[in-house]
C-alpha atoms as a PDB file:
ATOM      1  CA  MET A   1     -11.981  66.036 100.364  1.00  0.00           C
ATOM      2  CA  VAL A   2     -12.588  66.982 103.532  1.00  0.00           C
ATOM      3  CA  ASP A   3      -9.852  69.616 103.637  1.00  0.00           C
ATOM      4  CA  VAL A   4     -11.727  71.265 100.428  1.00  0.00           C
ATOM      5  CA  PHE A   5     -15.172  71.423 103.079  1.00  0.00           C
ATOM      6  CA  HIS A   6     -13.327  73.073 105.757  1.00  0.00           C
ATOM      7  CA  GLY A   7     -11.855  75.349 103.275  1.00  0.00           C
ATOM      8  CA  ILE A   8     -15.645  76.436 102.366  1.00  0.00           C
ATOM      9  CA  ASP A   9     -16.656  76.633 106.213  1.00  0.00           C
ATOM     10  CA  GLN A  10     -13.245  78.925 106.543  1.00  0.00           C
ATOM     11  CA  LYS A  11     -14.231  81.060 103.730  1.00  0.00           C
ATOM     12  CA  ALA A  12     -17.970  81.540 105.184  1.00  0.00           C
ATOM     13  CA  GLY A  13     -16.684  82.475 108.323  1.00  0.00           C
ATOM     14  CA  ASN A  14     -17.840  78.881 110.398  1.00  0.00           C
ATOM     15  CA  MET A  15     -14.439  77.431 111.556  1.00  0.00           C
ATOM     16  CA  PHE A  16     -16.956  75.993 114.434  1.00  0.00           C
ATOM     17  CA  TYR A  17     -17.634  73.036 111.992  1.00  0.00           C
ATOM     18  CA  CYS A  18     -14.522  72.564 110.862  1.00  0.00           C
ATOM     19  CA  GLY A  19     -13.336  72.124 115.283  1.00  0.00           C
ATOM     20  CA  MET A  20     -16.519  69.697 115.191  1.00  0.00           C
ATOM     21  CA  SER A  21     -15.280  67.539 112.325  1.00  0.00           C
ATOM     22  CA  MET A  22     -11.724  67.067 113.528  1.00  0.00           C
ATOM     23  CA  LEU A  23     -12.692  66.718 117.074  1.00  0.00           C
ATOM     24  CA  LEU A  24     -14.996  63.756 115.938  1.00  0.00           C
ATOM     25  CA  ARG A  25     -12.699  62.184 113.339  1.00  0.00           C
ATOM     26  CA  GLY A  26      -9.923  62.364 116.147  1.00  0.00           C
ATOM     27  CA  ILE A  27     -11.494  60.601 118.921  1.00  0.00           C
ATOM     28  CA  LEU A  28     -13.237  57.972 116.497  1.00  0.00           C
ATOM     29  CA  SER A  29      -9.942  57.070 115.014  1.00  0.00           C
ATOM     30  CA  LEU A  30      -8.163  56.493 118.618  1.00  0.00           C
ATOM     31  CA  LEU A  31     -10.960  54.478 119.484  1.00  0.00           C
ATOM     32  CA  VAL A  32     -11.622  52.221 116.811  1.00  0.00           C
ATOM     33  CA  PHE A  33      -7.497  51.918 116.259  1.00  0.00           C
ATOM     34  CA  CYS A  34      -7.146  51.238 119.940  1.00  0.00           C
ATOM     35  CA  ALA A  35      -9.791  48.516 120.111  1.00  0.00           C
ATOM     36  CA  GLY A  36      -8.568  47.061 116.723  1.00  0.00           C
ATOM     37  CA  MET A  37      -5.059  46.606 118.020  1.00  0.00           C
ATOM     38  CA  TYR A  38      -6.341  45.118 121.552  1.00  0.00           C
ATOM     39  CA  ILE A  39      -9.049  42.931 119.861  1.00  0.00           C
ATOM     40  CA  SER A  40      -7.028  41.873 116.562  1.00  0.00           C
ATOM     41  CA  HIS A  41      -3.286  42.871 116.700  1.00  0.00           C
ATOM     42  CA  SER A  42      -3.340  43.679 113.457  1.00  0.00           C
ATOM     43  CA  LEU A  43      -1.982  47.265 112.196  1.00  0.00           C
ATOM     44  CA  VAL A  44      -3.865  46.810 108.653  1.00  0.00           C
ATOM     45  CA  LEU A  45      -7.341  46.331 110.303  1.00  0.00           C
ATOM     46  CA  SER A  46      -6.651  49.012 112.616  1.00  0.00           C
ATOM     47  CA  ILE A  47      -5.971  51.308 110.078  1.00  0.00           C
ATOM     48  CA  VAL A  48      -9.178  50.296 107.800  1.00  0.00           C
ATOM     49  CA  LEU A  49     -11.340  50.813 110.980  1.00  0.00           C
ATOM     50  CA  MET A  50     -10.003  54.359 111.178  1.00  0.00           C
ATOM     51  CA  ILE A  51     -10.526  54.951 107.582  1.00  0.00           C
ATOM     52  CA  ALA A  52     -13.965  53.508 107.860  1.00  0.00           C
ATOM     53  CA  VAL A  53     -14.989  55.660 110.734  1.00  0.00           C
ATOM     54  CA  SER A  54     -13.884  59.170 108.783  1.00  0.00           C
ATOM     55  CA  LEU A  55     -16.327  58.227 105.961  1.00  0.00           C
ATOM     56  CA  PRO A  56     -19.389  59.130 108.144  1.00  0.00           C
ATOM     57  CA  VAL A  57     -17.900  62.274 109.397  1.00  0.00           C
ATOM     58  CA  MET A  58     -16.793  63.499 105.635  1.00  0.00           C
ATOM     59  CA  ILE A  59     -20.698  63.009 104.948  1.00  0.00           C
ATOM     60  CA  VAL A  60     -21.609  65.530 107.500  1.00  0.00           C
ATOM     61  CA  ASP A  61     -18.674  67.958 106.557  1.00  0.00           C
ATOM     62  CA  ALA A  62     -19.980  67.561 103.009  1.00  0.00           C
ATOM     63  CA  ARG A  63     -23.617  68.538 104.370  1.00  0.00           C
ATOM     64  CA  TRP A  64     -22.082  71.406 106.619  1.00  0.00           C
ATOM     65  CA  ALA A  65     -20.300  72.948 103.664  1.00  0.00           C
ATOM     66  CA  SER A  66     -23.111  72.725 101.583  1.00  0.00           C
ATOM     67  CA  ASN A  67     -25.092  75.326 103.264  1.00  0.00           C
ATOM     68  CA  PHE A  68     -22.571  77.666 102.290  1.00  0.00           C
ATOM     69  CA  ASP A  69     -21.605  77.248  98.574  1.00  0.00           C
ATOM     70  CA  THR A  70     -21.968  74.317  96.459  1.00  0.00           C
ATOM     71  CA  ILE A  71     -20.374  71.365  96.438  1.00  0.00           C
ATOM     72  CA  VAL A  72     -20.475  70.038  92.800  1.00  0.00           C
ATOM     73  CA  PRO A  73     -17.243  69.939  90.855  1.00  0.00           C
ATOM     74  CA  SER A  74     -17.035  72.602  88.391  1.00  0.00           C
ATOM     75  CA  PHE A  75     -14.130  72.446  86.091  1.00  0.00           C
ATOM     76  CA  ARG A  76     -12.770  75.313  84.354  1.00  0.00           C
ATOM     77  CA  PHE A  77      -9.323  74.454  82.635  1.00  0.00           C
ATOM     78  CA  LYS A  78      -8.466  77.796  82.015  1.00  0.00           C
ATOM     79  CA  ALA A  79      -9.134  79.036  85.434  1.00  0.00           C
ATOM     80  CA  MET A  80      -7.176  75.535  86.506  1.00  0.00           C
ATOM     81  CA  SER A  81      -4.045  76.098  84.571  1.00  0.00           C
ATOM     82  CA  GLU A  82      -3.570  79.571  85.647  1.00  0.00           C
ATOM     83  CA  LEU A  83      -3.799  78.668  89.222  1.00  0.00           C
ATOM     84  CA  PHE A  84      -1.491  75.711  88.513  1.00  0.00           C
ATOM     85  CA  TYR A  85       1.334  78.248  87.089  1.00  0.00           C
ATOM     86  CA  LYS A  86       0.467  80.634  89.837  1.00  0.00           C
ATOM     87  CA  CYS A  87       1.065  78.120  93.039  1.00  0.00           C
ATOM     88  CA  LEU A  88       3.307  76.053  91.445  1.00  0.00           C
ATOM     89  CA  PRO A  89       6.634  77.906  93.044  1.00  0.00           C
ATOM     90  CA  ALA A  90       4.431  77.850  96.313  1.00  0.00           C
ATOM     91  CA  THR A  91       4.063  74.049  95.913  1.00  0.00           C
ATOM     92  CA  VAL A  92       8.180  73.736  95.357  1.00  0.00           C
ATOM     93  CA  GLY A  93       8.120  75.828  97.980  1.00  0.00           C
ATOM     94  CA  VAL A  94       6.049  73.309 100.356  1.00  0.00           C
ATOM     95  CA  PHE A  95       8.465  70.539  99.242  1.00  0.00           C
ATOM     96  CA  CYS A  96      11.468  72.157 100.027  1.00  0.00           C
ATOM     97  CA  CYS A  97       9.861  73.108 103.816  1.00  0.00           C
ATOM     98  CA  ALA A  98       9.069  69.387 104.449  1.00  0.00           C
ATOM     99  CA  ALA A  99      12.533  68.235 103.202  1.00  0.00           C
ATOM    100  CA  VAL A 100      14.285  69.989 105.858  1.00  0.00           C
ATOM    101  CA  THR A 101      13.060  67.996 108.358  1.00  0.00           C
ATOM    102  CA  SER A 102      13.920  64.402 106.345  1.00  0.00           C
ATOM    103  CA  VAL A 103      17.401  65.763 105.431  1.00  0.00           C
ATOM    104  CA  SER A 104      18.164  66.439 108.854  1.00  0.00           C
ATOM    105  CA  ARG A 105      16.705  63.269 110.113  1.00  0.00           C
ATOM    106  CA  GLN A 106      18.448  61.086 107.304  1.00  0.00           C
ATOM    107  CA  GLU A 107      21.808  62.515 108.558  1.00  0.00           C
ATOM    108  CA  LEU A 108      20.984  61.607 111.737  1.00  0.00           C
ATOM    109  CA  ALA A 109      20.580  58.145 110.816  1.00  0.00           C
ATOM    110  CA  THR A 110      23.893  58.675 108.412  1.00  0.00           C
ATOM    111  CA  VAL A 111      25.817  59.623 111.438  1.00  0.00           C
ATOM    112  CA  LEU A 112      24.487  58.199 114.691  1.00  0.00           C
ATOM    113  CA  GLY A 113      22.593  55.074 113.501  1.00  0.00           C
ATOM    114  CA  ALA A 114      19.155  54.098 112.590  1.00  0.00           C
ATOM    115  CA  SER A 115      18.235  53.019 116.347  1.00  0.00           C
ATOM    116  CA  MET A 116      19.123  56.816 117.317  1.00  0.00           C
ATOM    117  CA  LEU A 117      16.820  57.841 114.842  1.00  0.00           C
ATOM    118  CA  GLY A 118      13.901  55.555 116.375  1.00  0.00           C
ATOM    119  CA  VAL A 119      14.761  57.218 119.807  1.00  0.00           C
ATOM    120  CA  TYR A 120      14.541  60.881 118.240  1.00  0.00           C
ATOM    121  CA  SER A 121      11.413  60.057 116.587  1.00  0.00           C
ATOM    122  CA  SER A 122      10.098  58.605 119.735  1.00  0.00           C
ATOM    123  CA  VAL A 123      10.861  61.635 121.968  1.00  0.00           C
ATOM    124  CA  CYS A 124       9.721  64.144 118.952  1.00  0.00           C
ATOM    125  CA  SER A 125       6.070  62.211 118.611  1.00  0.00           C
ATOM    126  CA  PRO A 126       4.887  64.111 121.669  1.00  0.00           C
ATOM    127  CA  ALA A 127       6.214  67.061 120.545  1.00  0.00           C
ATOM    128  CA  ALA A 128       4.636  67.266 117.339  1.00  0.00           C
ATOM    129  CA  ILE A 129       1.627  67.734 119.175  1.00  0.00           C
ATOM    130  CA  VAL A 130       2.936  71.588 119.960  1.00  0.00           C
ATOM    131  CA  GLN A 131       3.050  71.694 116.109  1.00  0.00           C
ATOM    132  CA  ALA A 132      -0.325  70.540 115.431  1.00  0.00           C
ATOM    133  CA  GLY A 133      -1.886  72.893 117.888  1.00  0.00           C
ATOM    134  CA  ALA A 134      -0.262  75.989 116.542  1.00  0.00           C
ATOM    135  CA  ALA A 135      -1.166  75.451 113.357  1.00  0.00           C
ATOM    136  CA  ASN A 136      -4.672  74.855 114.168  1.00  0.00           C
ATOM    137  CA  ALA A 137      -4.535  77.998 116.656  1.00  0.00           C
ATOM    138  CA  TYR A 138      -3.614  80.676 113.793  1.00  0.00           C
ATOM    139  CA  ALA A 139      -5.527  78.999 110.674  1.00  0.00           C
ATOM    140  CA  PRO A 140      -8.743  80.505 111.866  1.00  0.00           C
ATOM    141  CA  LEU A 141      -6.820  84.193 111.398  1.00  0.00           C
ATOM    142  CA  LEU A 142      -5.816  83.540 107.661  1.00  0.00           C
ATOM    143  CA  GLY A 143      -9.159  84.755 106.823  1.00  0.00           C
ATOM    144  CA  VAL A 144      -8.650  87.888 108.558  1.00  0.00           C
ATOM    145  CA  PHE A 145      -5.249  88.784 107.198  1.00  0.00           C
ATOM    146  CA  ALA A 146      -6.781  88.180 103.663  1.00  0.00           C
ATOM    147  CA  SER A 147      -9.145  90.678 104.156  1.00  0.00           C
ATOM    148  CA  ALA A 148      -6.949  92.989 105.985  1.00  0.00           C
ATOM    149  CA  SER A 149      -4.177  92.093 102.728  1.00  0.00           C
ATOM    150  CA  GLU A 150      -7.037  92.843 100.331  1.00  0.00           C
ATOM    151  CA  SER A 151      -8.303  96.600 101.844  1.00  0.00           C
ATOM    152  CA  GLY A 152      -4.547  97.477 101.819  1.00  0.00           C
ATOM    153  CA  ASP A 153      -4.757  98.056 105.560  1.00  0.00           C
ATOM    154  CA  ASN A 154      -0.979  96.887 106.195  1.00  0.00           C
ATOM    155  CA  LYS A 155      -1.170  98.285 109.549  1.00  0.00           C
ATOM    156  CA  THR A 156      -3.901  96.145 111.006  1.00  0.00           C
ATOM    157  CA  PHE A 157      -2.112  93.422 108.726  1.00  0.00           C
ATOM    158  CA  ASN A 158       1.331  93.614 110.859  1.00  0.00           C
ATOM    159  CA  ALA A 159      -0.182  94.666 113.959  1.00  0.00           C
ATOM    160  CA  MET A 160      -2.049  91.090 114.306  1.00  0.00           C
ATOM    161  CA  LEU A 161       1.596  89.255 112.756  1.00  0.00           C
ATOM    162  CA  MET A 162       3.289  91.077 115.922  1.00  0.00           C
ATOM    163  CA  LYS A 163       0.369  89.510 118.273  1.00  0.00           C
ATOM    164  CA  VAL A 164       0.595  85.942 116.775  1.00  0.00           C
ATOM    165  CA  VAL A 165       4.361  86.314 117.241  1.00  0.00           C
ATOM    166  CA  LEU A 166       4.326  87.209 120.478  1.00  0.00           C
ATOM    167  CA  GLY A 167       1.515  85.030 121.901  1.00  0.00           C
ATOM    168  CA  ALA A 168       3.490  82.031 119.826  1.00  0.00           C
ATOM    169  CA  LEU A 169       6.623  82.987 121.995  1.00  0.00           C
ATOM    170  CA  VAL A 170       4.489  83.158 125.312  1.00  0.00           C
ATOM    171  CA  LEU A 171       3.433  79.762 124.181  1.00  0.00           C
ATOM    172  CA  SER A 172       6.787  78.489 123.788  1.00  0.00           C
ATOM    173  CA  ILE A 173       8.102  79.688 127.302  1.00  0.00           C
ATOM    174  CA  VAL A 174       4.968  78.089 128.774  1.00  0.00           C
ATOM    175  CA  ILE A 175       5.316  74.430 126.833  1.00  0.00           C
ATOM    176  CA  LEU A 176       8.979  74.329 127.905  1.00  0.00           C
ATOM    177  CA  PHE A 177       8.197  74.839 131.547  1.00  0.00           C
ATOM    178  CA  ALA A 178       5.663  72.376 131.344  1.00  0.00           C
ATOM    179  CA  CYS A 179       8.324  69.987 129.724  1.00  0.00           C
ATOM    180  CA  PHE A 180      10.918  70.596 132.605  1.00  0.00           C
ATOM    181  CA  ILE A 181       8.155  69.867 135.158  1.00  0.00           C
ATOM    182  CA  CYS A 182       6.617  66.601 133.782  1.00  0.00           C
ATOM    183  CA  GLY A 183       8.066  65.842 130.257  1.00  0.00           C
ATOM    184  CA  ASP A 184      10.265  63.328 131.780  1.00  0.00           C
ATOM    185  CA  TYR A 185       7.378  61.472 133.233  1.00  0.00           C
ATOM    186  CA  LEU A 186       4.994  61.687 130.232  1.00  0.00           C
ATOM    187  CA  LEU A 187       7.614  60.417 128.117  1.00  0.00           C
ATOM    188  CA  GLY A 188       8.325  57.172 130.583  1.00  0.00           C
ATOM    189  CA  LEU A 189       4.759  56.661 130.552  1.00  0.00           C
ATOM    190  CA  ILE A 190       4.393  56.848 126.969  1.00  0.00           C
ATOM    191  CA  PHE A 191       7.137  54.995 126.103  1.00  0.00           C
ATOM    192  CA  GLY A 192       8.335  52.994 129.219  1.00  0.00           C
ATOM    193  CA  ASP A 193      11.546  53.622 131.638  1.00  0.00           C
ATOM    194  CA  GLN A 194      14.318  53.083 129.027  1.00  0.00           C
ATOM    195  CA  ILE A 195      13.374  56.439 127.237  1.00  0.00           C
ATOM    196  CA  HIS A 196      14.272  58.794 130.293  1.00  0.00           C
ATOM    197  CA  GLN A 197      18.183  58.781 129.737  1.00  0.00           C
ATOM    198  CA  TYR A 198      17.086  60.781 126.231  1.00  0.00           C
ATOM    199  CA  SER A 199      14.332  63.104 128.010  1.00  0.00           C
ATOM    200  CA  PHE A 200      16.657  65.742 127.107  1.00  0.00           C
ATOM    201  CA  LEU A 201      16.027  65.702 123.716  1.00  0.00           C
ATOM    202  CA  LEU A 202      12.525  66.708 124.163  1.00  0.00           C
ATOM    203  CA  TYR A 203      13.474  70.618 124.847  1.00  0.00           C
ATOM    204  CA  GLY A 204      15.084  70.797 121.300  1.00  0.00           C
ATOM    205  CA  ALA A 205      12.002  68.783 119.538  1.00  0.00           C
ATOM    206  CA  VAL A 206       9.502  71.631 120.840  1.00  0.00           C
ATOM    207  CA  ILE A 207      11.308  74.180 119.826  1.00  0.00           C
ATOM    208  CA  SER A 208      12.119  73.056 116.223  1.00  0.00           C
ATOM    209  CA  SER A 209       8.209  71.788 116.391  1.00  0.00           C
ATOM    210  CA  LEU A 210       7.279  75.500 117.207  1.00  0.00           C
ATOM    211  CA  LEU A 211       9.542  77.158 114.427  1.00  0.00           C
ATOM    212  CA  THR A 212       7.904  74.109 111.783  1.00  0.00           C
ATOM    213  CA  ALA A 213       4.809  75.753 112.618  1.00  0.00           C
ATOM    214  CA  PHE A 214       6.042  78.997 112.815  1.00  0.00           C
ATOM    215  CA  ILE A 215       7.653  78.851 109.091  1.00  0.00           C
ATOM    216  CA  GLY A 216       4.327  77.232 108.060  1.00  0.00           C
ATOM    217  CA  PHE A 217       2.573  80.435 109.126  1.00  0.00           C
ATOM    218  CA  PHE A 218       4.946  82.473 107.411  1.00  0.00           C
ATOM    219  CA  SER A 219       4.147  80.260 103.997  1.00  0.00           C
ATOM    220  CA  ASP A 220       0.458  80.581 104.646  1.00  0.00           C
ATOM    221  CA  LEU A 221       0.826  84.328 104.836  1.00  0.00           C
ATOM    222  CA  THR A 222       3.102  84.796 101.238  1.00  0.00           C
ATOM    223  CA  ILE A 223       0.027  82.825  99.998  1.00  0.00           C
ATOM    224  CA  VAL A 224      -2.488  85.317 101.264  1.00  0.00           C
ATOM    225  CA  LYS A 225      -0.255  88.300 100.189  1.00  0.00           C
ATOM    226  CA  ARG A 226       0.300  86.547  96.614  1.00  0.00           C
ATOM    227  CA  LYS A 227       4.097  86.529  96.881  1.00  0.00           C
ATOM    228  CA  MET A 228       4.599  82.742  95.778  1.00  0.00           C
ATOM    229  CA  ALA A 229       8.004  83.853  94.559  1.00  0.00           C
ATOM    230  CA  GLY A 230       8.599  84.802  98.145  1.00  0.00           C
ATOM    231  CA  ASN A 231       7.543  81.670  99.690  1.00  0.00           C
ATOM    232  CA  LEU A 232       9.898  79.603  97.172  1.00  0.00           C
ATOM    233  CA  VAL A 233      12.634  81.437  98.382  1.00  0.00           C
ATOM    234  CA  GLY A 234      12.133  81.293 101.645  1.00  0.00           C
ATOM    235  CA  ASN A 235      11.801  78.004 102.152  1.00  0.00           C
ATOM    236  CA  LEU A 236      14.736  76.910  99.237  1.00  0.00           C
ATOM    237  CA  VAL A 237      16.768  79.029 101.645  1.00  0.00           C
ATOM    238  CA  ALA A 238      15.657  76.730 104.534  1.00  0.00           C
ATOM    239  CA  LEU A 239      16.566  73.677 102.888  1.00  0.00           C
ATOM    240  CA  ILE A 240      19.996  74.982 101.496  1.00  0.00           C
ATOM    241  CA  VAL A 241      21.043  76.203 105.256  1.00  0.00           C
ATOM    242  CA  ALA A 242      20.147  72.559 106.916  1.00  0.00           C
ATOM    243  CA  VAL A 243      22.073  70.400 104.471  1.00  0.00           C
ATOM    244  CA  PRO A 244      25.283  71.609 105.753  1.00  0.00           C
ATOM    245  CA  LEU A 245      23.999  72.860 109.172  1.00  0.00           C
ATOM    246  CA  SER A 246      22.933  69.100 110.033  1.00  0.00           C
ATOM    247  CA  SER A 247      26.160  67.429 109.307  1.00  0.00           C
ATOM    248  CA  LEU A 248      28.157  69.871 111.238  1.00  0.00           C
ATOM    249  CA  LEU A 249      25.665  70.390 114.285  1.00  0.00           C
ATOM    250  CA  ILE A 250      24.941  66.270 114.883  1.00  0.00           C
ATOM    251  CA  ARG A 251      28.535  65.693 114.955  1.00  0.00           C
ATOM    252  CA  LEU A 252      28.839  68.412 117.591  1.00  0.00           C
ATOM    253  CA  PHE A 253      26.270  67.927 119.868  1.00  0.00           C
ATOM    254  CA  GLY A 254      24.574  64.439 118.711  1.00  0.00           C
ATOM    255  CA  PRO A 255      20.913  63.833 118.471  1.00  0.00           C
ATOM    256  CA  ASN A 256      20.030  67.496 119.720  1.00  0.00           C
ATOM    257  CA  GLY A 257      22.004  68.910 116.414  1.00  0.00           C
ATOM    258  CA  THR A 258      19.330  67.647 114.481  1.00  0.00           C
ATOM    259  CA  SER A 259      16.569  69.584 116.303  1.00  0.00           C
ATOM    260  CA  ALA A 260      19.304  72.755 116.496  1.00  0.00           C
ATOM    261  CA  ALA A 261      19.667  72.643 112.747  1.00  0.00           C
ATOM    262  CA  ILE A 262      15.856  72.146 111.882  1.00  0.00           C
ATOM    263  CA  SER A 263      15.096  75.146 114.267  1.00  0.00           C
ATOM    264  CA  LEU A 264      18.044  77.554 112.485  1.00  0.00           C
ATOM    265  CA  ALA A 265      17.116  76.411 108.834  1.00  0.00           C
ATOM    266  CA  TYR A 266      13.334  77.218 109.368  1.00  0.00           C
ATOM    267  CA  LEU A 267      14.383  80.113 111.316  1.00  0.00           C
ATOM    268  CA  VAL A 268      16.190  81.474 108.386  1.00  0.00           C
ATOM    269  CA  GLY A 269      13.634  80.596 105.819  1.00  0.00           C
ATOM    270  CA  CYS A 270      11.103  82.885 107.903  1.00  0.00           C
ATOM    271  CA  VAL A 271      13.289  85.743 108.217  1.00  0.00           C
ATOM    272  CA  ALA A 272      13.941  85.304 104.192  1.00  0.00           C
ATOM    273  CA  MET A 273      10.398  85.648 103.926  1.00  0.00           C
ATOM    274  CA  LEU A 274       9.436  88.765 106.235  1.00  0.00           C
ATOM    275  CA  PRO A 275       9.901  91.246 103.697  1.00  0.00           C
ATOM    276  CA  CYS A 276       7.682  89.850 101.308  1.00  0.00           C
ATOM    277  CA  ILE A 277       4.919  89.699 104.508  1.00  0.00           C
ATOM    278  CA  ILE A 278       5.377  93.353 105.862  1.00  0.00           C
ATOM    279  CA  ARG A 279       5.631  95.005 102.472  1.00  0.00           C
ATOM    280  CA  LYS A 280       2.376  96.158 100.555  1.00  0.00           C
END
C-alpha cells in the first residue's frame, strides 16, 4: 500500500513526501524495535510494535497521496489482464535477479558450511545500506527518464544514463575508501571483536551491493522503455551465469568468491540489458 501511495507522489513530482514517509517509518521502527527488545527481549513483540507504528504513517501517506490523485481502488479487469501479460516477463526477470544472490549464498553454505554463511551475511548486512541508498538515489530520476523516453529524446536519456553511471562509480570509490579507513572498526563495533578477522569480506560485499543496485536500475530502465523481454533476458542471463560461477569462485577464493560471483553475474546482466536501454 505504501509503495502505491509513494508511486502517486512520485508521478506528481513530489518525492519530498516519499522521503518524509520513509524517514518517519525508519526512525519510529528502529526506536520501538530497540525499546521492545530492551524491555521484553521478545522478537515477536518488537516486530508487532514496528508494524503498529507504521500504520499511522501509512494513514499520513494516504492523506498526502489523495492530494494528487484518487486513492479509491478502481478495478478494470480488461486493463488488469493486459497489464499482467505485458509485465509478466519483467516479473519473472525480477525473480531471476533476486535468485542470483540466493543461489550464490546457498552455494557458500554448501561448500564452506552454514557457519561461514552466517559470518558472510553479518559482514554483508552493513553493505546492504549502500544498495538501498543507491536505489533511493536514482528513484527520483525515473520520472525524468520516462519523460525523455516518451518524447523520443534519446540524447537526453543516454546523457542522464551516463551521468548516473559515472556518479555511481565515484560513489563506489568513496565508499571503498571509507571501508578501508573505518570499516574494520565499524564491524567490530556492531558485531564484536570476533568479526575482525573477516573484515576483508567487506570490500567485495560493497562492490556486489553496488552492482545489485546497478542491475536494479537497469531493470527499471527497461520497464521505462517498455522492453519487458529485455528485462527478462538480462536477469535470466545473470542467473544462468551465477550458478556455475558461484561454485567455481567459492572454491577458488573462499567466501569472497560469493561476492565475486554475484558481482560478475550482475555485470553480465547489465551488459545484456544495455542495448535495450540505449536504443530508441
